[in-house]
Amino acid sequence: MKSVIYVLTALAVFGLALWAYQENYKTQQVLKETQTLQRQIGAAQVRLSVLRAEWAYLNRPDRLRELADLNFDRLGLLPLRPDQFGKVDQVAYPRPPEPEVTINNAIDVRAILEEQFP
């Protein structure tokens, strides 16, 4: 009986060792994938910062003004002036819709108040 318990214990130890070995390799694989993703995220952030810098460079007001002047015949763009902008109080906002309220069983409050306070 003792030998059966020893054999089962040895098999359990070997099974647990095999499971731990597999988990170790799975963990190492996930860590490698994580490092790869971190590198890709870093590269994407660098690309994004370069694109933002290019966008800022291309949208310089003096450059856009020159392009508007060069392409005036085709586009008809006029240079921006301060008097072209309106004020906030000049903006015509749409009126809010009137609420549709139906009053059922209306009570004349004036008559009640006149009775209590003549």
Protein backbone atom coordinates (compact mmCIF):
# COMPACT_ATOMS: atom_id res chain seq x y z
CA MET A 1 0.00 0.00 0.00
CA LYS A 2 2.88 2.34 0.80
CA SER A 3 4.42 1.76 -2.61
CA VAL A 4 1.18 2.79 -4.35
CA ILE A 5 1.11 6.02 -2.33
CA TYR A 6 4.77 6.66 -3.19
CA VAL A 7 4.12 6.07 -6.90
CA LEU A 8 1.04 8.35 -6.87
CA THR A 9 2.97 11.02 -4.98
CA ALA A 10 5.86 10.79 -7.48
CA LEU A 11 3.41 11.04 -10.41
CA ALA A 12 1.74 14.05 -8.79
CA VAL A 13 5.14 15.72 -8.32
CA PHE A 14 6.07 15.02 -11.95
CA GLY A 15 2.68 16.32 -13.12
CA LEU A 16 3.05 19.51 -11.08
CA ALA A 17 6.61 19.97 -12.35
CA LEU A 18 5.40 19.60 -15.95
CA TRP A 19 2.57 22.09 -15.31
CA ALA A 20 4.99 24.60 -13.72
CA TYR A 21 7.40 24.17 -16.65
CA GLN A 22 4.63 24.91 -19.17
CA GLU A 23 3.41 27.91 -17.19
CA ASN A 24 6.95 29.26 -17.05
CA TYR A 25 7.26 29.12 -20.84
CA LYS A 26 3.81 30.67 -21.32
CA THR A 27 4.79 33.49 -18.97
CA GLN A 28 8.04 34.09 -20.83
CA GLN A 29 6.15 34.19 -24.14
CA VAL A 30 3.65 36.73 -22.77
CA LEU A 31 6.52 38.86 -21.46
CA LYS A 32 8.15 38.84 -24.92
CA GLU A 33 4.85 39.83 -26.53
CA THR A 34 4.44 42.62 -23.97
CA GLN A 35 7.91 43.96 -24.73
CA THR A 36 7.14 43.86 -28.46
CA LEU A 37 3.91 45.77 -27.89
CA GLN A 38 5.72 48.33 -25.73
CA ARG A 39 8.25 48.88 -28.51
CA GLN A 40 5.45 49.28 -31.06
CA ILE A 41 3.67 51.78 -28.81
CA GLY A 42 6.89 53.76 -28.40
CA ALA A 43 7.44 53.81 -32.17
CA ALA A 44 3.84 54.92 -32.72
CA GLN A 45 4.26 57.75 -30.20
CA VAL A 46 7.42 58.89 -31.99
CA ARG A 47 5.58 58.83 -35.34
CA LEU A 48 2.68 60.75 -33.82
CA SER A 49 4.98 63.44 -32.45
CA VAL A 50 6.65 63.77 -35.87
CA LEU A 51 3.25 64.08 -37.55
CA ARG A 52 2.18 66.73 -35.05
CA ALA A 53 5.37 68.68 -35.71
CA GLU A 54 4.83 68.43 -39.48
CA TRP A 55 1.22 69.56 -39.07
CA ALA A 56 2.31 72.56 -37.02
CA TYR A 57 4.98 73.37 -39.61
CA LEU A 58 2.55 73.12 -42.53
CA ASN A 59 -0.11 75.22 -40.79
CA ARG A 60 2.06 78.25 -40.15
CA PRO A 61 0.01 81.40 -40.80
CA ASP A 62 2.62 82.95 -43.10
CA ARG A 63 2.79 79.79 -45.23
CA LEU A 64 -1.00 79.54 -45.44
CA ARG A 65 -1.20 83.22 -46.38
CA GLU A 66 1.31 82.67 -49.20
CA LEU A 67 -0.63 79.66 -50.45
CA ALA A 68 -3.87 81.62 -50.40
CA ASP A 69 -2.21 84.42 -52.40
CA LEU A 70 -0.70 81.97 -54.92
CA ASN A 71 -3.96 80.11 -55.46
CA PHE A 72 -6.31 83.08 -55.32
CA ASP A 73 -7.42 82.62 -58.96
CA ARG A 74 -8.43 78.98 -58.46
CA LEU A 75 -9.74 79.05 -54.91
CA GLY A 76 -10.87 82.61 -54.35
CA LEU A 77 -9.57 82.61 -50.78
CA LEU A 78 -9.23 85.95 -49.07
CA PRO A 79 -6.78 86.67 -46.26
CA LEU A 80 -8.24 86.70 -42.77
CA ARG A 81 -8.76 90.07 -41.15
CA PRO A 82 -9.95 90.92 -37.64
CA ASP A 83 -13.08 92.65 -38.93
CA GLN A 84 -14.26 89.37 -40.55
CA PHE A 85 -15.03 87.86 -37.17
CA GLY A 86 -18.28 88.49 -35.34
CA LYS A 87 -19.01 88.83 -31.67
CA VAL A 88 -20.70 86.18 -29.60
CA ASP A 89 -23.74 88.34 -28.96
CA GLN A 90 -24.25 88.64 -32.74
CA VAL A 91 -24.77 84.91 -33.18
CA ALA A 92 -28.41 84.03 -33.77
CA TYR A 93 -29.10 80.93 -31.75
CA PRO A 94 -32.33 79.01 -32.45
CA ARG A 95 -35.11 79.46 -29.91
CA PRO A 96 -35.75 76.46 -27.67
CA PRO A 97 -38.93 74.61 -28.60
CA GLU A 98 -42.03 75.47 -26.62
CA PRO A 99 -42.98 72.63 -24.28
CA GLU A 100 -46.23 70.96 -25.15
CA VAL A 101 -48.15 70.97 -21.88
CA THR A 102 -51.73 69.92 -21.57
CA ILE A 103 -53.47 70.84 -18.35
CA ASN A 104 -56.19 68.52 -17.17
CA ASN A 105 -58.46 69.32 -14.24
CA ALA A 106 -57.37 72.97 -14.01
CA ILE A 107 -58.10 74.81 -10.76
CA ASP A 108 -58.81 78.53 -10.66
CA VAL A 109 -56.37 79.68 -8.00
CA ARG A 110 -57.51 83.31 -8.14
CA ALA A 111 -60.98 82.40 -6.94
CA ILE A 112 -59.58 80.41 -4.02
CA LEU A 113 -57.23 83.24 -3.03
CA GLU A 114 -60.03 85.83 -3.25
CA GLU A 115 -62.17 83.71 -0.92
CA GLN A 116 -59.41 83.33 1.65
CA PHE A 117 -58.04 86.89 1.41
CA PRO A 118 -60.88 89.28 0.50
